[in-house]
C-alpha atoms as a PDB file:
ATOM      1  CA  LEU A   1      79.456  58.407 128.473  1.00  0.00           C
ATOM      2  CA  PHE A   2      78.374  61.647 127.147  1.00  0.00           C
ATOM      3  CA  VAL A   3      77.284  62.849 123.686  1.00  0.00           C
ATOM      4  CA  ALA A   4      79.482  66.176 123.211  1.00  0.00           C
ATOM      5  CA  SER A   5      78.609  67.379 120.445  1.00  0.00           C
ATOM      6  CA  GLU A   6      76.275  66.259 117.430  1.00  0.00           C
ATOM      7  CA  GLU A   7      76.108  67.467 114.010  1.00  0.00           C
ATOM      8  CA  THR A   8      73.095  68.960 114.054  1.00  0.00           C
ATOM      9  CA  GLU A   9      72.115  72.659 114.492  1.00  0.00           C
ATOM     10  CA  ASP A  10      72.560  74.206 118.367  1.00  0.00           C
ATOM     11  CA  ARG A  11      70.810  76.864 120.073  1.00  0.00           C
ATOM     12  CA  PHE A  12      72.405  79.526 117.948  1.00  0.00           C
ATOM     13  CA  GLY A  13      71.837  77.791 114.043  1.00  0.00           C
ATOM     14  CA  ASP A  14      75.459  76.618 114.299  1.00  0.00           C
ATOM     15  CA  VAL A  15      76.623  73.444 112.881  1.00  0.00           C
ATOM     16  CA  LEU A  16      79.796  71.388 113.565  1.00  0.00           C
ATOM     17  CA  SER A  17      80.487  68.877 111.121  1.00  0.00           C
ATOM     18  CA  ALA A  18      81.605  65.365 113.095  1.00  0.00           C
ATOM     19  CA  ASP A  19      83.793  64.519 110.656  1.00  0.00           C
ATOM     20  CA  GLY A  20      85.909  67.774 111.034  1.00  0.00           C
ATOM     21  CA  TRP A  21      87.109  67.259 114.526  1.00  0.00           C
ATOM     22  CA  GLN A  22      90.674  67.679 114.766  1.00  0.00           C
ATOM     23  CA  LEU A  23      91.357  65.344 118.364  1.00  0.00           C
ATOM     24  CA  GLU A  24      95.495  64.942 118.212  1.00  0.00           C
ATOM     25  CA  ALA A  25      96.133  67.876 120.193  1.00  0.00           C
ATOM     26  CA  PHE A  26      93.204  67.786 122.827  1.00  0.00           C
ATOM     27  CA  LYS A  27      94.283  64.331 123.659  1.00  0.00           C
ATOM     28  CA  LYS A  28      97.678  65.423 124.563  1.00  0.00           C
ATOM     29  CA  ASN A  29      96.122  67.520 127.414  1.00  0.00           C
ATOM     30  CA  PRO A  30      92.417  65.990 127.963  1.00  0.00           C
ATOM     31  CA  VAL A  31      90.561  68.602 130.117  1.00  0.00           C
ATOM     32  CA  PHE A  32      87.603  68.367 131.450  1.00  0.00           C
ATOM     33  CA  LEU A  33      86.348  71.866 132.564  1.00  0.00           C
ATOM     34  CA  PHE A  34      83.502  73.806 135.012  1.00  0.00           C
ATOM     35  CA  GLY A  35      81.715  76.343 132.113  1.00  0.00           C
ATOM     36  CA  HIS A  36      84.755  76.928 129.931  1.00  0.00           C
ATOM     37  CA  ASN A  37      86.490  78.433 132.995  1.00  0.00           C
ATOM     38  CA  HIS A  38      89.764  78.368 132.045  1.00  0.00           C
ATOM     39  CA  SER A  39      91.370  80.152 134.966  1.00  0.00           C
ATOM     40  CA  LEU A  40      89.598  77.303 137.119  1.00  0.00           C
ATOM     41  CA  ALA A  41      91.782  73.964 137.456  1.00  0.00           C
ATOM     42  CA  PRO A  42      90.054  70.822 135.643  1.00  0.00           C
ATOM     43  CA  ILE A  43      87.787  69.454 137.404  1.00  0.00           C
ATOM     44  CA  GLY A  44      88.200  65.777 135.248  1.00  0.00           C
ATOM     45  CA  LYS A  45      89.850  64.449 132.363  1.00  0.00           C
ATOM     46  CA  VAL A  46      88.536  62.781 129.079  1.00  0.00           C
ATOM     47  CA  PRO A  47      90.863  59.568 128.565  1.00  0.00           C
ATOM     48  CA  LYS A  48      88.654  58.733 125.781  1.00  0.00           C
ATOM     49  CA  VAL A  49      86.886  61.081 122.675  1.00  0.00           C
ATOM     50  CA  TRP A  50      85.926  59.771 119.393  1.00  0.00           C
ATOM     51  CA  VAL A  51      83.662  60.348 116.482  1.00  0.00           C
ATOM     52  CA  GLU A  52      81.046  57.886 116.044  1.00  0.00           C
ATOM     53  CA  GLY A  53      78.663  58.838 112.875  1.00  0.00           C
ATOM     54  CA  LYS A  54      77.150  62.122 113.724  1.00  0.00           C
ATOM     55  CA  GLN A  55      77.991  62.469 117.171  1.00  0.00           C
ATOM     56  CA  LEU A  56      81.677  63.449 119.059  1.00  0.00           C
ATOM     57  CA  LEU A  57      81.381  61.070 122.273  1.00  0.00           C
ATOM     58  CA  SER A  58      83.582  61.344 125.234  1.00  0.00           C
ATOM     59  CA  THR A  59      84.060  59.741 128.592  1.00  0.00           C
ATOM     60  CA  VAL A  60      85.357  61.574 131.760  1.00  0.00           C
ATOM     61  CA  VAL A  61      87.344  60.427 135.172  1.00  0.00           C
ATOM     62  CA  TRP A  62      86.734  63.122 137.906  1.00  0.00           C
ATOM     63  CA  ASP A  63      89.309  64.617 140.149  1.00  0.00           C
ATOM     64  CA  GLU A  64      87.981  62.983 143.332  1.00  0.00           C
ATOM     65  CA  GLU A  65      90.241  64.749 145.547  1.00  0.00           C
ATOM     66  CA  ASP A  66      88.742  67.956 144.420  1.00  0.00           C
ATOM     67  CA  PRO A  67      85.925  68.829 146.371  1.00  0.00           C
ATOM     68  CA  PHE A  68      84.628  71.341 143.621  1.00  0.00           C
ATOM     69  CA  ALA A  69      84.779  68.308 141.382  1.00  0.00           C
ATOM     70  CA  MET A  70      82.807  65.806 143.517  1.00  0.00           C
ATOM     71  CA  ALA A  71      79.949  68.477 144.201  1.00  0.00           C
ATOM     72  CA  VAL A  72      79.738  68.868 140.126  1.00  0.00           C
ATOM     73  CA  LYS A  73      79.961  64.664 140.116  1.00  0.00           C
ATOM     74  CA  GLY A  74      76.960  64.369 141.963  1.00  0.00           C
ATOM     75  CA  LYS A  75      74.693  66.525 140.249  1.00  0.00           C
ATOM     76  CA  TYR A  76      75.008  64.523 137.477  1.00  0.00           C
ATOM     77  CA  GLN A  77      74.680  60.985 139.530  1.00  0.00           C
ATOM     78  CA  ARG A  78      71.297  62.676 141.014  1.00  0.00           C
ATOM     79  CA  GLY A  79      70.394  63.756 137.459  1.00  0.00           C
ATOM     80  CA  PHE A  80      70.232  67.870 138.379  1.00  0.00           C
ATOM     81  CA  MET A  81      72.802  68.327 135.599  1.00  0.00           C
ATOM     82  CA  ARG A  82      73.335  65.835 132.162  1.00  0.00           C
ATOM     83  CA  ALA A  83      74.829  68.386 129.662  1.00  0.00           C
ATOM     84  CA  VAL A  84      78.217  68.975 128.200  1.00  0.00           C
ATOM     85  CA  SER A  85      79.895  71.632 125.947  1.00  0.00           C
ATOM     86  CA  VAL A  86      82.444  71.680 124.019  1.00  0.00           C
ATOM     87  CA  GLY A  87      85.344  74.299 123.444  1.00  0.00           C
ATOM     88  CA  PHE A  88      86.759  74.562 120.174  1.00  0.00           C
ATOM     89  CA  ARG A  89      89.191  76.474 117.499  1.00  0.00           C
ATOM     90  CA  ALA A  90      87.183  77.482 114.273  1.00  0.00           C
ATOM     91  CA  LEU A  91      89.692  75.809 111.471  1.00  0.00           C
ATOM     92  CA  GLU A  92      87.056  75.997 108.132  1.00  0.00           C
ATOM     93  CA  PHE A  93      83.816  77.364 108.058  1.00  0.00           C
ATOM     94  CA  GLU A  94      81.005  78.981 105.699  1.00  0.00           C
ATOM     95  CA  GLU A  95      78.085  80.855 106.349  1.00  0.00           C
ATOM     96  CA  ARG A  96      74.812  79.269 105.843  1.00  0.00           C
ATOM     97  CA  GLU A  97      70.973  79.702 106.639  1.00  0.00           C
ATOM     98  CA  SER A  98      69.817  78.634 110.023  1.00  0.00           C
ATOM     99  CA  ASN A  99      67.142  75.962 109.464  1.00  0.00           C
ATOM    100  CA  GLN A 100      65.493  76.753 112.737  1.00  0.00           C
ATOM    101  CA  MET A 101      65.657  80.562 112.689  1.00  0.00           C
ATOM    102  CA  LYS A 102      64.881  81.565 108.930  1.00  0.00           C
ATOM    103  CA  GLY A 103      66.577  84.610 107.482  1.00  0.00           C
ATOM    104  CA  LEU A 104      69.324  84.058 110.147  1.00  0.00           C
ATOM    105  CA  ARG A 105      72.978  83.816 108.663  1.00  0.00           C
ATOM    106  CA  THR A 106      74.726  81.158 110.892  1.00  0.00           C
ATOM    107  CA  ILE A 107      78.103  78.843 110.906  1.00  0.00           C
ATOM    108  CA  HIS A 108      78.858  75.924 109.430  1.00  0.00           C
ATOM    109  CA  PHE A 109      81.945  74.592 110.914  1.00  0.00           C
ATOM    110  CA  LEU A 110      83.686  71.912 108.538  1.00  0.00           C
ATOM    111  CA  LYS A 111      86.951  71.523 110.594  1.00  0.00           C
ATOM    112  CA  GLN A 112      87.475  72.488 114.080  1.00  0.00           C
ATOM    113  CA  GLU A 113      90.239  71.947 116.837  1.00  0.00           C
ATOM    114  CA  LEU A 114      88.857  70.521 120.146  1.00  0.00           C
ATOM    115  CA  LEU A 115      90.441  72.250 122.999  1.00  0.00           C
ATOM    116  CA  GLU A 116      88.108  71.393 125.649  1.00  0.00           C
ATOM    117  CA  ILE A 117      85.275  70.043 126.864  1.00  0.00           C
ATOM    118  CA  SER A 118      83.127  71.726 129.688  1.00  0.00           C
ATOM    119  CA  ALA A 119      80.372  70.205 132.224  1.00  0.00           C
ATOM    120  CA  VAL A 120      77.587  73.383 132.008  1.00  0.00           C
ATOM    121  CA  PRO A 121      74.036  73.348 133.259  1.00  0.00           C
ATOM    122  CA  ILE A 122      72.794  74.898 129.756  1.00  0.00           C
ATOM    123  CA  PRO A 123      74.826  73.564 126.475  1.00  0.00           C
ATOM    124  CA  ALA A 124      74.740  75.384 123.382  1.00  0.00           C
ATOM    125  CA  HIS A 125      73.539  71.993 121.889  1.00  0.00           C
ATOM    126  CA  PRO A 126      70.356  70.461 123.141  1.00  0.00           C
ATOM    127  CA  GLY A 127      71.835  67.175 122.248  1.00  0.00           C
ATOM    128  CA  ALA A 128      75.107  67.338 124.402  1.00  0.00           C
ATOM    129  CA  LEU A 129      74.182  65.239 127.320  1.00  0.00           C
ATOM    130  CA  LYS A 130      75.002  62.469 129.548  1.00  0.00           C
ATOM    131  CA  LYS A 131      74.154  59.124 127.468  1.00  0.00           C
ATOM    132  CA  ALA A 132      74.748  56.569 130.466  1.00  0.00           C
ATOM    133  CA  TYR A 133      76.559  56.349 133.705  1.00  0.00           C
ATOM    134  CA  GLU A 134      78.874  53.866 134.292  1.00  0.00           C
ATOM    135  CA  GLY A 135      79.642  52.941 138.165  1.00  0.00           C
ATOM    136  CA  THR A 136      77.442  54.514 140.788  1.00  0.00           C
ATOM    137  CA  GLU A 137      79.692  54.847 143.959  1.00  0.00           C
ATOM    138  CA  PHE A 138      80.131  58.594 145.278  1.00  0.00           C
ATOM    139  CA  LYS A 139      81.783  59.606 148.132  1.00  0.00           C
ATOM    140  CA  ILE A 140      81.007  63.457 149.186  1.00  0.00           C
ATOM    141  CA  PHE A 141      77.859  64.656 147.833  1.00  0.00           C
ATOM    142  CA  MET A 142      79.044  69.026 148.378  1.00  0.00           C
ATOM    143  CA  PRO A 143      81.426  70.555 149.445  1.00  0.00           C
ATOM    144  CA  LYS A 144      81.501  72.144 152.889  1.00  0.00           C
ATOM    145  CA  GLY A 145      82.269  75.835 150.861  1.00  0.00           C
ATOM    146  CA  LEU A 146      83.456  76.937 147.398  1.00  0.00           C
ATOM    147  CA  PRO A 147      86.682  77.663 146.434  1.00  0.00           C
ATOM    148  CA  ALA A 148      87.506  81.619 146.236  1.00  0.00           C
ATOM    149  CA  GLU A 149      88.447  81.360 143.309  1.00  0.00           C
ATOM    150  CA  LEU A 150      84.637  80.433 142.047  1.00  0.00           C
ATOM    151  CA  ARG A 151      83.029  83.317 144.148  1.00  0.00           C
ATOM    152  CA  GLY A 152      82.054  85.969 141.231  1.00  0.00           C
ATOM    153  CA  VAL A 153      82.391  83.618 138.499  1.00  0.00           C
ATOM    154  CA  ILE A 154      79.760  84.582 135.675  1.00  0.00           C
ATOM    155  CA  GLY A 155      77.842  83.012 132.530  1.00  0.00           C
ATOM    156  CA  TRP A 156      78.071  83.593 129.316  1.00  0.00           C
ATOM    157  CA  ALA A 157      74.705  85.252 128.637  1.00  0.00           C
ATOM    158  CA  SER A 158      75.864  87.763 131.989  1.00  0.00           C
ATOM    159  CA  ALA A 159      79.345  88.488 130.549  1.00  0.00           C
ATOM    160  CA  HIS A 160      77.825  89.224 126.576  1.00  0.00           C
ATOM    161  CA  ALA A 161      74.604  90.706 127.551  1.00  0.00           C
ATOM    162  CA  GLY A 162      74.930  93.135 124.991  1.00  0.00           C
ATOM    163  CA  GLY A 163      76.074  90.643 122.407  1.00  0.00           C
ATOM    164  CA  THR A 164      79.518  89.654 120.839  1.00  0.00           C
ATOM    165  CA  PRO A 165      80.957  92.314 118.477  1.00  0.00           C
ATOM    166  CA  LYS A 166      81.904  90.511 114.883  1.00  0.00           C
ATOM    167  CA  ALA A 167      85.034  90.764 113.130  1.00  0.00           C
ATOM    168  CA  ASP A 168      84.910  91.982 109.452  1.00  0.00           C
ATOM    169  CA  ARG A 169      84.313  89.259 106.957  1.00  0.00           C
ATOM    170  CA  ASP A 170      88.132  89.637 105.873  1.00  0.00           C
ATOM    171  CA  ALA A 171      89.474  89.697 108.915  1.00  0.00           C
ATOM    172  CA  ASP A 172      91.913  86.541 110.275  1.00  0.00           C
ATOM    173  CA  TRP A 173      90.547  84.536 112.781  1.00  0.00           C
ATOM    174  CA  ASP A 174      92.542  85.142 115.654  1.00  0.00           C
ATOM    175  CA  ALA A 175      89.988  83.503 118.989  1.00  0.00           C
END
């Protein structure tokens, strides 16, 4: 069981409203990715996702035929990874002032469409963590080699070292 998102400030000062989650499309294609990498096949699926209080919760079923998925699952079972992160499309939002970083204008997402949930080493939201692990059997701890498509994958911070440009305030959102 994972807390996929929580209605408190994330590390960027943004807030996602728990009651604003649009889950219908995601439930038709409930993918669990690694590191928001849409170019790789999913490492699992999310059979159940729901809002409870101020949290978006989810369960995960790992692709047990995929050696990389099994290696990532092992990281969670052994406690080397605990976090997940949501990929979403903003539908309604407003600017706000961050509580953590005074003077910084951040975003309060009022409605957002869930696109995917990813296994990540460091989440944008510090509360997006594993709550519990059901079942302990694990057969493959480490793949013999990573798939070729994983070589050269870089993290968000490396890909956006200079920051990300912002659109004009009146521009349409194009994701």
